[in-house]
Amino acid sequence: MSGYDKKIAKKYNQDEQAVLFHGSCLDLMRDIPDKSIQLIVTSPPYNIGKEYEKKLKLETYIAQQAEVIKECSRVLSETGSICWQVGNYVNNGAIIPLDTILFPIFHELNLIMRNRIIWHFEHGLHCSRRFSGRFETVIWFTRNRKDYVFNLDPVRVPQKYPGKKYFKGPKAGQYSCNPLGKNPGDVWDIPNVKSNHVEKTDHPCQFPVELIERLVLSMTNEGNRVLDPFLGTGTTIIAAIRHNRRGIGAETEARYVDIARNRIQKAIDGTLPTRPMNKPKYDPKLYNNKLTIPPWKNGQVEPEQLLIFEKQGVFNSEDS
């Protein structure tokens, strides 16, 4: 990337391509001028007792988040966006959706909510006393009601019916679809980073790069600054520098800082493996994965499982 110093800075400098700060995001943001960041995107700890967080009382957690969000609002540019990606807080088996808990904090700072984006994925923990969770949310806010950066064309997805035409009116017979693709909508089906994902590290809750790339491309322009207050393994900085933006992030855990530094350097060098944007999801049946073959067709099904499928009407006379 011409015009950039390709070293990874340890402290904030507005001219650096990548800033990886080992410490609290509040300490990092004290050095960032007012209204100088175009996009703030992060996935804060969910306060569920993961190995990298200490579970707090919900009131304490919310107060800590409020302090960070207030500082983020200070450094957010007039045309900028904040994207806060969260899941659920779990308390004695009851879930509390964190986006609903945190929304009032953003609202009180006069930030305008643009979308509540649903990030859907197919793999995760299996629940036995409720339906397994397979989505998280990205709540998107802007400072300005009308004047904010939003570039739709770089994140359009393929049309489902590209040959569709207007059937009446002055445009009858003309193609009705945008040739660049369609708006991806507010439900994003992007694989999460699990054991066989090309981007997997030791972090238990890692962002997929393509999720952040869609936010970076749509909400910033080249040369803009992107900040992640809870950086983890560096994904936000990686998404930023891959598209000629400047990435800044803070992380308190030393081992994740080391992983992030290694991944960011590979991204700068162009050697980091990532899942391409808009790549079709893996279809195990299409690739004849042997795990898709039901064992009951070979007479190996357990009696309890057989009973479940019989109740669901799965079997017919040809299956027996």
C-alpha atoms as a PDB file:
ATOM      1  CA  MET A   1       0.000   0.000   0.000  1.00  0.00           C
ATOM      2  CA  SER A   2       1.846   3.071  -1.215  1.00  0.00           C
ATOM      3  CA  GLY A   3       1.843   6.172   0.966  1.00  0.00           C
ATOM      4  CA  TYR A   4       1.750   4.218   4.244  1.00  0.00           C
ATOM      5  CA  ASP A   5       4.433   3.359   6.756  1.00  0.00           C
ATOM      6  CA  LYS A   6       4.000  -0.411   6.954  1.00  0.00           C
ATOM      7  CA  LYS A   7       5.121  -0.905  10.528  1.00  0.00           C
ATOM      8  CA  ILE A   8       2.532  -1.614  13.205  1.00  0.00           C
ATOM      9  CA  ALA A   9       2.517   1.249  15.686  1.00  0.00           C
ATOM     10  CA  LYS A  10       2.063   0.609  19.408  1.00  0.00           C
ATOM     11  CA  LYS A  11       0.587   4.029  20.196  1.00  0.00           C
ATOM     12  CA  TYR A  12      -1.868   6.231  18.354  1.00  0.00           C
ATOM     13  CA  ASN A  13      -0.494   8.263  15.503  1.00  0.00           C
ATOM     14  CA  GLN A  14      -2.840   9.690  12.897  1.00  0.00           C
ATOM     15  CA  ASP A  15      -0.402   8.929  10.085  1.00  0.00           C
ATOM     16  CA  GLU A  16       0.011   5.217  10.789  1.00  0.00           C
ATOM     17  CA  GLN A  17      -1.654   2.532   8.731  1.00  0.00           C
ATOM     18  CA  ALA A  18      -2.083   0.197  11.719  1.00  0.00           C
ATOM     19  CA  VAL A  19      -2.105   0.983  15.440  1.00  0.00           C
ATOM     20  CA  LEU A  20      -2.185  -1.963  17.849  1.00  0.00           C
ATOM     21  CA  PHE A  21      -2.398  -0.714  21.434  1.00  0.00           C
ATOM     22  CA  HIS A  22      -1.809  -3.153  24.305  1.00  0.00           C
ATOM     23  CA  GLY A  23      -4.037  -1.838  27.055  1.00  0.00           C
ATOM     24  CA  SER A  24      -7.393  -0.289  27.807  1.00  0.00           C
ATOM     25  CA  CYS A  25      -9.303   1.305  24.954  1.00  0.00           C
ATOM     26  CA  LEU A  26      -9.978   4.294  27.217  1.00  0.00           C
ATOM     27  CA  ASP A  27      -6.237   4.885  27.491  1.00  0.00           C
ATOM     28  CA  LEU A  28      -5.901   4.588  23.708  1.00  0.00           C
ATOM     29  CA  MET A  29      -8.768   6.981  22.973  1.00  0.00           C
ATOM     30  CA  ARG A  30      -7.374   9.702  25.243  1.00  0.00           C
ATOM     31  CA  ASP A  31      -4.825  10.343  22.478  1.00  0.00           C
ATOM     32  CA  ILE A  32      -7.390  10.373  19.656  1.00  0.00           C
ATOM     33  CA  PRO A  33      -8.692  13.842  18.693  1.00  0.00           C
ATOM     34  CA  ASP A  34     -12.389  14.691  18.710  1.00  0.00           C
ATOM     35  CA  LYS A  35     -14.414  13.674  15.642  1.00  0.00           C
ATOM     36  CA  SER A  36     -11.466  12.063  13.842  1.00  0.00           C
ATOM     37  CA  ILE A  37     -12.670   8.462  13.417  1.00  0.00           C
ATOM     38  CA  GLN A  38     -14.953   7.543  10.524  1.00  0.00           C
ATOM     39  CA  LEU A  39     -16.019   4.072  11.684  1.00  0.00           C
ATOM     40  CA  ILE A  40     -16.008   2.434  15.103  1.00  0.00           C
ATOM     41  CA  VAL A  41     -16.791  -1.264  14.943  1.00  0.00           C
ATOM     42  CA  THR A  42     -16.362  -3.792  17.705  1.00  0.00           C
ATOM     43  CA  SER A  43     -17.633  -6.837  19.521  1.00  0.00           C
ATOM     44  CA  PRO A  44     -17.282  -6.102  23.235  1.00  0.00           C
ATOM     45  CA  PRO A  45     -17.190  -8.858  25.870  1.00  0.00           C
ATOM     46  CA  TYR A  46     -20.694 -10.242  26.402  1.00  0.00           C
ATOM     47  CA  ASN A  47     -20.184 -10.645  30.174  1.00  0.00           C
ATOM     48  CA  ILE A  48     -20.885 -14.386  30.052  1.00  0.00           C
ATOM     49  CA  GLY A  49     -17.672 -15.552  31.698  1.00  0.00           C
ATOM     50  CA  LYS A  50     -15.491 -16.315  28.668  1.00  0.00           C
ATOM     51  CA  GLU A  51     -11.841 -16.997  29.417  1.00  0.00           C
ATOM     52  CA  TYR A  52     -10.843 -13.445  28.435  1.00  0.00           C
ATOM     53  CA  GLU A  53     -13.423 -11.684  30.630  1.00  0.00           C
ATOM     54  CA  LYS A  54     -14.470 -11.517  34.262  1.00  0.00           C
ATOM     55  CA  LYS A  55     -18.219 -11.834  34.691  1.00  0.00           C
ATOM     56  CA  LEU A  56     -19.663  -8.722  36.296  1.00  0.00           C
ATOM     57  CA  LYS A  57     -23.026  -7.743  37.681  1.00  0.00           C
ATOM     58  CA  LEU A  58     -25.130  -6.566  34.761  1.00  0.00           C
ATOM     59  CA  GLU A  59     -25.362  -3.030  36.169  1.00  0.00           C
ATOM     60  CA  THR A  60     -21.564  -2.808  36.419  1.00  0.00           C
ATOM     61  CA  TYR A  61     -21.124  -4.163  32.903  1.00  0.00           C
ATOM     62  CA  ILE A  62     -23.569  -1.627  31.472  1.00  0.00           C
ATOM     63  CA  ALA A  63     -21.809   1.217  33.293  1.00  0.00           C
ATOM     64  CA  GLN A  64     -18.449   0.137  31.850  1.00  0.00           C
ATOM     65  CA  GLN A  65     -19.908  -0.101  28.356  1.00  0.00           C
ATOM     66  CA  ALA A  66     -21.470   3.336  28.752  1.00  0.00           C
ATOM     67  CA  GLU A  67     -18.088   4.844  29.584  1.00  0.00           C
ATOM     68  CA  VAL A  68     -16.521   3.349  26.451  1.00  0.00           C
ATOM     69  CA  ILE A  69     -19.457   4.266  24.199  1.00  0.00           C
ATOM     70  CA  LYS A  70     -19.387   7.876  25.444  1.00  0.00           C
ATOM     71  CA  GLU A  71     -15.710   8.134  24.541  1.00  0.00           C
ATOM     72  CA  CYS A  72     -16.400   6.534  21.155  1.00  0.00           C
ATOM     73  CA  SER A  73     -19.035   9.182  20.508  1.00  0.00           C
ATOM     74  CA  ARG A  74     -16.461  11.885  21.251  1.00  0.00           C
ATOM     75  CA  VAL A  75     -13.986  10.641  18.628  1.00  0.00           C
ATOM     76  CA  LEU A  76     -16.639   9.817  15.989  1.00  0.00           C
ATOM     77  CA  SER A  77     -16.576  12.085  12.934  1.00  0.00           C
ATOM     78  CA  GLU A  78     -19.593  14.115  11.828  1.00  0.00           C
ATOM     79  CA  THR A  79     -20.237  11.680   8.957  1.00  0.00           C
ATOM     80  CA  GLY A  80     -19.181   8.594  10.894  1.00  0.00           C
ATOM     81  CA  SER A  81     -20.790   5.368  12.099  1.00  0.00           C
ATOM     82  CA  ILE A  82     -20.646   3.143  15.164  1.00  0.00           C
ATOM     83  CA  CYS A  83     -21.365  -0.590  14.773  1.00  0.00           C
ATOM     84  CA  TRP A  84     -21.682  -2.527  18.051  1.00  0.00           C
ATOM     85  CA  GLN A  85     -21.913  -6.299  17.539  1.00  0.00           C
ATOM     86  CA  VAL A  86     -23.396  -8.164  20.501  1.00  0.00           C
ATOM     87  CA  GLY A  87     -25.146 -11.361  21.546  1.00  0.00           C
ATOM     88  CA  ASN A  88     -26.931 -12.286  24.760  1.00  0.00           C
ATOM     89  CA  TYR A  89     -26.115 -12.005  28.446  1.00  0.00           C
ATOM     90  CA  VAL A  90     -27.142 -15.228  30.182  1.00  0.00           C
ATOM     91  CA  ASN A  91     -28.282 -15.164  33.806  1.00  0.00           C
ATOM     92  CA  ASN A  92     -29.398 -18.414  35.437  1.00  0.00           C
ATOM     93  CA  GLY A  93     -30.644 -19.764  32.130  1.00  0.00           C
ATOM     94  CA  ALA A  94     -32.498 -16.575  31.132  1.00  0.00           C
ATOM     95  CA  ILE A  95     -31.151 -14.597  28.187  1.00  0.00           C
ATOM     96  CA  ILE A  96     -31.013 -10.808  28.013  1.00  0.00           C
ATOM     97  CA  PRO A  97     -30.339  -9.411  24.498  1.00  0.00           C
ATOM     98  CA  LEU A  98     -27.519  -6.936  24.980  1.00  0.00           C
ATOM     99  CA  ASP A  99     -28.480  -4.752  22.017  1.00  0.00           C
ATOM    100  CA  THR A 100     -31.730  -3.811  23.773  1.00  0.00           C
ATOM    101  CA  ILE A 101     -29.864  -3.091  27.005  1.00  0.00           C
ATOM    102  CA  LEU A 102     -27.234  -0.923  25.311  1.00  0.00           C
ATOM    103  CA  PHE A 103     -29.540   0.962  22.914  1.00  0.00           C
ATOM    104  CA  PRO A 104     -30.516   3.654  25.482  1.00  0.00           C
ATOM    105  CA  ILE A 105     -26.847   4.574  25.941  1.00  0.00           C
ATOM    106  CA  PHE A 106     -26.451   5.390  22.247  1.00  0.00           C
ATOM    107  CA  HIS A 107     -29.838   7.116  22.158  1.00  0.00           C
ATOM    108  CA  GLU A 108     -28.945   9.392  25.077  1.00  0.00           C
ATOM    109  CA  LEU A 109     -25.832  10.462  23.153  1.00  0.00           C
ATOM    110  CA  ASN A 110     -28.106  11.607  20.301  1.00  0.00           C
ATOM    111  CA  LEU A 111     -26.829   8.909  17.953  1.00  0.00           C
ATOM    112  CA  ILE A 112     -29.293   7.778  15.277  1.00  0.00           C
ATOM    113  CA  MET A 113     -29.944   4.073  14.795  1.00  0.00           C
ATOM    114  CA  ARG A 114     -29.844   3.075  11.123  1.00  0.00           C
ATOM    115  CA  ASN A 115     -30.149  -0.700  11.225  1.00  0.00           C
ATOM    116  CA  ARG A 116     -30.328  -3.631  13.558  1.00  0.00           C
ATOM    117  CA  ILE A 117     -28.404  -6.118  11.420  1.00  0.00           C
ATOM    118  CA  ILE A 118     -28.925  -9.800  12.102  1.00  0.00           C
ATOM    119  CA  TRP A 119     -25.776 -11.876  11.630  1.00  0.00           C
ATOM    120  CA  HIS A 120     -26.926 -15.452  11.053  1.00  0.00           C
ATOM    121  CA  PHE A 121     -24.633 -18.476  11.279  1.00  0.00           C
ATOM    122  CA  GLU A 122     -25.265 -22.217  11.420  1.00  0.00           C
ATOM    123  CA  HIS A 123     -22.764 -23.491  13.975  1.00  0.00           C
ATOM    124  CA  GLY A 124     -22.463 -22.892  17.705  1.00  0.00           C
ATOM    125  CA  LEU A 125     -23.327 -24.276  21.113  1.00  0.00           C
ATOM    126  CA  HIS A 126     -26.163 -26.798  21.248  1.00  0.00           C
ATOM    127  CA  CYS A 127     -28.860 -26.097  23.839  1.00  0.00           C
ATOM    128  CA  SER A 128     -31.093 -28.714  25.429  1.00  0.00           C
ATOM    129  CA  ARG A 129     -33.548 -26.458  27.296  1.00  0.00           C
ATOM    130  CA  ARG A 130     -34.101 -23.770  24.672  1.00  0.00           C
ATOM    131  CA  PHE A 131     -33.544 -23.413  20.917  1.00  0.00           C
ATOM    132  CA  SER A 132     -29.853 -23.118  20.057  1.00  0.00           C
ATOM    133  CA  GLY A 133     -28.774 -19.545  19.354  1.00  0.00           C
ATOM    134  CA  ARG A 134     -27.763 -19.001  15.745  1.00  0.00           C
ATOM    135  CA  PHE A 135     -27.627 -15.233  15.366  1.00  0.00           C
ATOM    136  CA  GLU A 136     -26.140 -12.113  16.875  1.00  0.00           C
ATOM    137  CA  THR A 137     -26.865  -8.469  16.140  1.00  0.00           C
ATOM    138  CA  VAL A 138     -24.949  -5.477  14.833  1.00  0.00           C
ATOM    139  CA  ILE A 139     -26.547  -2.210  15.915  1.00  0.00           C
ATOM    140  CA  TRP A 140     -25.526   0.611  13.586  1.00  0.00           C
ATOM    141  CA  PHE A 141     -25.646   4.276  14.614  1.00  0.00           C
ATOM    142  CA  THR A 142     -24.631   7.520  12.914  1.00  0.00           C
ATOM    143  CA  ARG A 143     -23.942  10.927  14.422  1.00  0.00           C
ATOM    144  CA  ASN A 144     -25.640  12.871  11.649  1.00  0.00           C
ATOM    145  CA  ARG A 145     -29.258  12.338  10.615  1.00  0.00           C
ATOM    146  CA  LYS A 146     -28.722  13.038   6.901  1.00  0.00           C
ATOM    147  CA  ASP A 147     -25.040  13.555   6.138  1.00  0.00           C
ATOM    148  CA  TYR A 148     -23.213  10.261   6.724  1.00  0.00           C
ATOM    149  CA  VAL A 149     -21.084   7.940   4.603  1.00  0.00           C
ATOM    150  CA  PHE A 150     -22.928   4.996   3.107  1.00  0.00           C
ATOM    151  CA  ASN A 151     -21.596   3.323  -0.025  1.00  0.00           C
ATOM    152  CA  LEU A 152     -23.969   0.604  -1.197  1.00  0.00           C
ATOM    153  CA  ASP A 153     -22.334  -0.408  -4.478  1.00  0.00           C
ATOM    154  CA  PRO A 154     -19.165  -2.029  -2.994  1.00  0.00           C
ATOM    155  CA  VAL A 155     -21.260  -4.405  -0.866  1.00  0.00           C
ATOM    156  CA  ARG A 156     -24.021  -5.368  -3.279  1.00  0.00           C
ATOM    157  CA  VAL A 157     -24.678  -9.107  -3.599  1.00  0.00           C
ATOM    158  CA  PRO A 158     -25.764 -11.095  -6.687  1.00  0.00           C
ATOM    159  CA  GLN A 159     -29.351 -10.697  -7.812  1.00  0.00           C
ATOM    160  CA  LYS A 160     -31.620 -13.678  -7.249  1.00  0.00           C
ATOM    161  CA  TYR A 161     -33.512 -13.003 -10.495  1.00  0.00           C
ATOM    162  CA  PRO A 162     -31.189 -10.906 -12.711  1.00  0.00           C
ATOM    163  CA  GLY A 163     -33.493 -11.381 -15.705  1.00  0.00           C
ATOM    164  CA  LYS A 164     -36.518  -9.803 -14.015  1.00  0.00           C
ATOM    165  CA  LYS A 165     -38.207  -6.990 -16.007  1.00  0.00           C
ATOM    166  CA  TYR A 166     -40.801  -4.300 -15.362  1.00  0.00           C
ATOM    167  CA  PHE A 167     -44.172  -5.616 -16.529  1.00  0.00           C
ATOM    168  CA  LYS A 168     -46.033  -2.293 -16.719  1.00  0.00           C
ATOM    169  CA  GLY A 169     -45.534   1.456 -16.760  1.00  0.00           C
ATOM    170  CA  PRO A 170     -43.061   3.539 -18.780  1.00  0.00           C
ATOM    171  CA  LYS A 171     -40.244   1.048 -18.102  1.00  0.00           C
ATOM    172  CA  ALA A 172     -42.205  -2.050 -19.161  1.00  0.00           C
ATOM    173  CA  GLY A 173     -39.902  -4.593 -20.756  1.00  0.00           C
ATOM    174  CA  GLN A 174     -36.736  -3.101 -19.292  1.00  0.00           C
ATOM    175  CA  TYR A 175     -34.648  -4.968 -16.756  1.00  0.00           C
ATOM    176  CA  SER A 176     -35.644  -3.952 -13.234  1.00  0.00           C
ATOM    177  CA  CYS A 177     -32.538  -5.169 -11.372  1.00  0.00           C
ATOM    178  CA  ASN A 178     -29.431  -3.132 -10.678  1.00  0.00           C
ATOM    179  CA  PRO A 179     -26.659  -4.701 -12.806  1.00  0.00           C
ATOM    180  CA  LEU A 180     -24.203  -4.234  -9.922  1.00  0.00           C
ATOM    181  CA  GLY A 181     -26.289  -6.463  -7.654  1.00  0.00           C
ATOM    182  CA  LYS A 182     -28.830  -5.982  -4.885  1.00  0.00           C
ATOM    183  CA  ASN A 183     -28.791  -4.484  -1.418  1.00  0.00           C
ATOM    184  CA  PRO A 184     -27.675  -7.247   1.001  1.00  0.00           C
ATOM    185  CA  GLY A 185     -30.482  -6.369   3.409  1.00  0.00           C
ATOM    186  CA  ASP A 186     -30.286  -6.501   7.194  1.00  0.00           C
ATOM    187  CA  VAL A 187     -29.961 -10.286   7.596  1.00  0.00           C
ATOM    188  CA  TRP A 188     -26.419 -11.440   6.799  1.00  0.00           C
ATOM    189  CA  ASP A 189     -25.712 -15.143   6.437  1.00  0.00           C
ATOM    190  CA  ILE A 190     -21.949 -15.324   7.027  1.00  0.00           C
ATOM    191  CA  PRO A 191     -20.180 -18.388   8.500  1.00  0.00           C
ATOM    192  CA  ASN A 192     -18.757 -17.815  11.966  1.00  0.00           C
ATOM    193  CA  VAL A 193     -15.164 -18.735  12.734  1.00  0.00           C
ATOM    194  CA  LYS A 194     -15.083 -22.316  13.954  1.00  0.00           C
ATOM    195  CA  SER A 195     -12.426 -25.044  13.965  1.00  0.00           C
ATOM    196  CA  ASN A 196     -12.281 -25.641  10.206  1.00  0.00           C
ATOM    197  CA  HIS A 197     -12.470 -21.947   9.225  1.00  0.00           C
ATOM    198  CA  VAL A 198      -9.420 -20.666   7.338  1.00  0.00           C
ATOM    199  CA  GLU A 199      -9.108 -17.710   9.752  1.00  0.00           C
ATOM    200  CA  LYS A 200      -9.326 -19.675  13.041  1.00  0.00           C
ATOM    201  CA  THR A 201      -6.983 -18.718  15.900  1.00  0.00           C
ATOM    202  CA  ASP A 202      -7.008 -19.556  19.615  1.00  0.00           C
ATOM    203  CA  HIS A 203      -9.575 -16.853  20.366  1.00  0.00           C
ATOM    204  CA  PRO A 204     -12.955 -18.428  21.259  1.00  0.00           C
ATOM    205  CA  CYS A 205     -15.120 -15.634  19.790  1.00  0.00           C
ATOM    206  CA  GLN A 206     -13.421 -14.401  16.627  1.00  0.00           C
ATOM    207  CA  PHE A 207     -14.907 -12.095  13.986  1.00  0.00           C
ATOM    208  CA  PRO A 208     -14.922 -13.330  10.367  1.00  0.00           C
ATOM    209  CA  VAL A 209     -13.076 -10.771   8.242  1.00  0.00           C
ATOM    210  CA  GLU A 210     -15.852 -10.607   5.635  1.00  0.00           C
ATOM    211  CA  LEU A 211     -18.374  -9.405   8.235  1.00  0.00           C
ATOM    212  CA  ILE A 212     -16.193  -6.386   9.036  1.00  0.00           C
ATOM    213  CA  GLU A 213     -15.241  -5.845   5.397  1.00  0.00           C
ATOM    214  CA  ARG A 214     -18.891  -5.226   4.534  1.00  0.00           C
ATOM    215  CA  LEU A 215     -19.084  -2.531   7.231  1.00  0.00           C
ATOM    216  CA  VAL A 216     -15.752  -0.961   6.262  1.00  0.00           C
ATOM    217  CA  LEU A 217     -16.578  -0.783   2.561  1.00  0.00           C
ATOM    218  CA  SER A 218     -20.065   0.617   3.078  1.00  0.00           C
ATOM    219  CA  MET A 219     -19.378   3.128   5.860  1.00  0.00           C
ATOM    220  CA  THR A 220     -15.922   4.517   5.045  1.00  0.00           C
ATOM    221  CA  ASN A 221     -13.891   5.861   2.142  1.00  0.00           C
ATOM    222  CA  GLU A 222     -10.269   5.121   1.329  1.00  0.00           C
ATOM    223  CA  GLY A 223      -7.855   6.705   3.789  1.00  0.00           C
ATOM    224  CA  ASN A 224     -10.460   6.920   6.599  1.00  0.00           C
ATOM    225  CA  ARG A 225      -9.725   5.704  10.121  1.00  0.00           C
ATOM    226  CA  VAL A 226     -11.435   2.644  11.591  1.00  0.00           C
ATOM    227  CA  LEU A 227     -11.317   2.004  15.344  1.00  0.00           C
ATOM    228  CA  ASP A 228     -12.001  -1.163  17.344  1.00  0.00           C
ATOM    229  CA  PRO A 229     -12.010  -0.617  21.134  1.00  0.00           C
ATOM    230  CA  PHE A 230     -12.020  -4.384  21.855  1.00  0.00           C
ATOM    231  CA  LEU A 231      -9.740  -5.643  19.104  1.00  0.00           C
ATOM    232  CA  GLY A 232      -9.290  -9.325  19.949  1.00  0.00           C
ATOM    233  CA  THR A 233      -7.169 -10.945  17.243  1.00  0.00           C
ATOM    234  CA  GLY A 234      -7.001  -7.910  14.962  1.00  0.00           C
ATOM    235  CA  THR A 235      -9.803  -8.601  12.483  1.00  0.00           C
ATOM    236  CA  THR A 236     -11.032  -5.001  12.276  1.00  0.00           C
ATOM    237  CA  ILE A 237      -7.565  -3.646  11.495  1.00  0.00           C
ATOM    238  CA  ILE A 238      -7.126  -6.403   8.920  1.00  0.00           C
ATOM    239  CA  ALA A 239     -10.396  -5.507   7.180  1.00  0.00           C
ATOM    240  CA  ALA A 240      -9.394  -1.834   7.201  1.00  0.00           C
ATOM    241  CA  ILE A 241      -5.920  -2.180   5.716  1.00  0.00           C
ATOM    242  CA  ARG A 242      -7.085  -4.680   3.094  1.00  0.00           C
ATOM    243  CA  HIS A 243      -9.201  -1.861   1.660  1.00  0.00           C
ATOM    244  CA  ASN A 244      -6.793   1.075   2.014  1.00  0.00           C
ATOM    245  CA  ARG A 245      -8.145   2.378   5.308  1.00  0.00           C
ATOM    246  CA  ARG A 246      -6.248   3.020   8.541  1.00  0.00           C
ATOM    247  CA  GLY A 247      -6.936   0.572  11.373  1.00  0.00           C
ATOM    248  CA  ILE A 248      -6.674   1.299  15.106  1.00  0.00           C
ATOM    249  CA  GLY A 249      -7.437  -1.030  17.993  1.00  0.00           C
ATOM    250  CA  ALA A 250      -6.885  -1.803  21.669  1.00  0.00           C
ATOM    251  CA  GLU A 251      -6.577  -5.201  23.340  1.00  0.00           C
ATOM    252  CA  THR A 252      -5.781  -5.954  26.992  1.00  0.00           C
ATOM    253  CA  GLU A 253      -4.800  -9.645  26.700  1.00  0.00           C
ATOM    254  CA  ALA A 254      -1.126 -10.059  25.762  1.00  0.00           C
ATOM    255  CA  ARG A 255      -1.560 -13.353  23.934  1.00  0.00           C
ATOM    256  CA  TYR A 256      -4.281 -11.905  21.712  1.00  0.00           C
ATOM    257  CA  VAL A 257      -2.092  -8.870  21.023  1.00  0.00           C
ATOM    258  CA  ASP A 258       0.605 -11.261  19.785  1.00  0.00           C
ATOM    259  CA  ILE A 259      -1.865 -13.104  17.560  1.00  0.00           C
ATOM    260  CA  ALA A 260      -3.248  -9.814  16.243  1.00  0.00           C
ATOM    261  CA  ARG A 261       0.204  -8.456  15.451  1.00  0.00           C
ATOM    262  CA  ASN A 262       1.080 -11.583  13.502  1.00  0.00           C
ATOM    263  CA  ARG A 263      -2.181 -11.551  11.535  1.00  0.00           C
ATOM    264  CA  ILE A 264      -2.023  -7.811  10.814  1.00  0.00           C
ATOM    265  CA  GLN A 265       1.538  -8.087   9.531  1.00  0.00           C
ATOM    266  CA  LYS A 266       0.502 -10.909   7.216  1.00  0.00           C
ATOM    267  CA  ALA A 267      -2.400  -8.781   5.983  1.00  0.00           C
ATOM    268  CA  ILE A 268       0.012  -5.926   5.252  1.00  0.00           C
ATOM    269  CA  ASP A 269       2.287  -8.366   3.418  1.00  0.00           C
ATOM    270  CA  GLY A 270      -0.649  -9.852   1.519  1.00  0.00           C
ATOM    271  CA  THR A 271      -0.123 -13.368   2.898  1.00  0.00           C
ATOM    272  CA  LEU A 272      -2.980 -13.702   5.394  1.00  0.00           C
ATOM    273  CA  PRO A 273      -5.532 -16.372   4.390  1.00  0.00           C
ATOM    274  CA  THR A 274      -9.113 -15.115   4.680  1.00  0.00           C
ATOM    275  CA  ARG A 275     -12.508 -16.259   3.496  1.00  0.00           C
ATOM    276  CA  PRO A 276     -13.420 -14.137   0.434  1.00  0.00           C
ATOM    277  CA  MET A 277     -16.403 -11.808   0.629  1.00  0.00           C
ATOM    278  CA  ASN A 278     -19.623 -13.252  -0.808  1.00  0.00           C
ATOM    279  CA  LYS A 279     -18.121 -16.714  -1.240  1.00  0.00           C
ATOM    280  CA  PRO A 280     -20.987 -19.256  -1.344  1.00  0.00           C
ATOM    281  CA  LYS A 281     -21.388 -21.234   1.839  1.00  0.00           C
ATOM    282  CA  TYR A 282     -20.077 -24.766   1.882  1.00  0.00           C
ATOM    283  CA  ASP A 283     -22.791 -27.252   0.933  1.00  0.00           C
ATOM    284  CA  PRO A 284     -21.844 -30.668   2.385  1.00  0.00           C
ATOM    285  CA  LYS A 285     -24.368 -32.511   0.201  1.00  0.00           C
ATOM    286  CA  LEU A 286     -23.030 -30.889  -2.965  1.00  0.00           C
ATOM    287  CA  TYR A 287     -19.537 -32.146  -2.101  1.00  0.00           C
ATOM    288  CA  ASN A 288     -20.793 -35.614  -1.109  1.00  0.00           C
ATOM    289  CA  ASN A 289     -19.618 -35.308   2.479  1.00  0.00           C
ATOM    290  CA  LYS A 290     -20.090 -38.743   4.009  1.00  0.00           C
ATOM    291  CA  LEU A 291     -21.440 -37.240   7.235  1.00  0.00           C
ATOM    292  CA  THR A 292     -24.596 -36.200   5.349  1.00  0.00           C
ATOM    293  CA  ILE A 293     -25.565 -39.858   4.802  1.00  0.00           C
ATOM    294  CA  PRO A 294     -28.253 -40.782   7.368  1.00  0.00           C
ATOM    295  CA  PRO A 295     -27.222 -43.916   9.267  1.00  0.00           C
ATOM    296  CA  TRP A 296     -30.824 -45.136   9.470  1.00  0.00           C
ATOM    297  CA  LYS A 297     -30.817 -45.826   5.745  1.00  0.00           C
ATOM    298  CA  ASN A 298     -28.242 -48.504   6.448  1.00  0.00           C
ATOM    299  CA  GLY A 299     -30.216 -49.992   9.305  1.00  0.00           C
ATOM    300  CA  GLN A 300     -27.876 -48.480  11.936  1.00  0.00           C
ATOM    301  CA  VAL A 301     -30.273 -46.024  13.555  1.00  0.00           C
ATOM    302  CA  GLU A 302     -30.827 -46.222  17.296  1.00  0.00           C
ATOM    303  CA  PRO A 303     -34.407 -47.103  18.367  1.00  0.00           C
ATOM    304  CA  GLU A 304     -34.881 -43.739  20.132  1.00  0.00           C
ATOM    305  CA  GLN A 305     -33.800 -41.806  17.038  1.00  0.00           C
ATOM    306  CA  LEU A 306     -36.005 -43.970  14.823  1.00  0.00           C
ATOM    307  CA  LEU A 307     -38.991 -43.115  17.014  1.00  0.00           C
ATOM    308  CA  ILE A 308     -38.298 -39.365  16.606  1.00  0.00           C
ATOM    309  CA  PHE A 309     -38.228 -39.576  12.830  1.00  0.00           C
ATOM    310  CA  GLU A 310     -41.335 -41.738  12.685  1.00  0.00           C
ATOM    311  CA  LYS A 311     -43.220 -39.131  14.741  1.00  0.00           C
ATOM    312  CA  GLN A 312     -42.062 -36.411  12.321  1.00  0.00           C
ATOM    313  CA  GLY A 313     -43.282 -38.383   9.333  1.00  0.00           C
ATOM    314  CA  VAL A 314     -39.814 -38.633   7.798  1.00  0.00           C
ATOM    315  CA  PHE A 315     -40.117 -42.260   6.776  1.00  0.00           C
ATOM    316  CA  ASN A 316     -42.425 -43.604   4.084  1.00  0.00           C
ATOM    317  CA  SER A 317     -43.013 -47.031   2.605  1.00  0.00           C
ATOM    318  CA  GLU A 318     -39.900 -46.771   0.432  1.00  0.00           C
ATOM    319  CA  ASP A 319     -37.692 -46.257   3.487  1.00  0.00           C
ATOM    320  CA  SER A 320     -38.659 -49.489   5.195  1.00  0.00           C
END
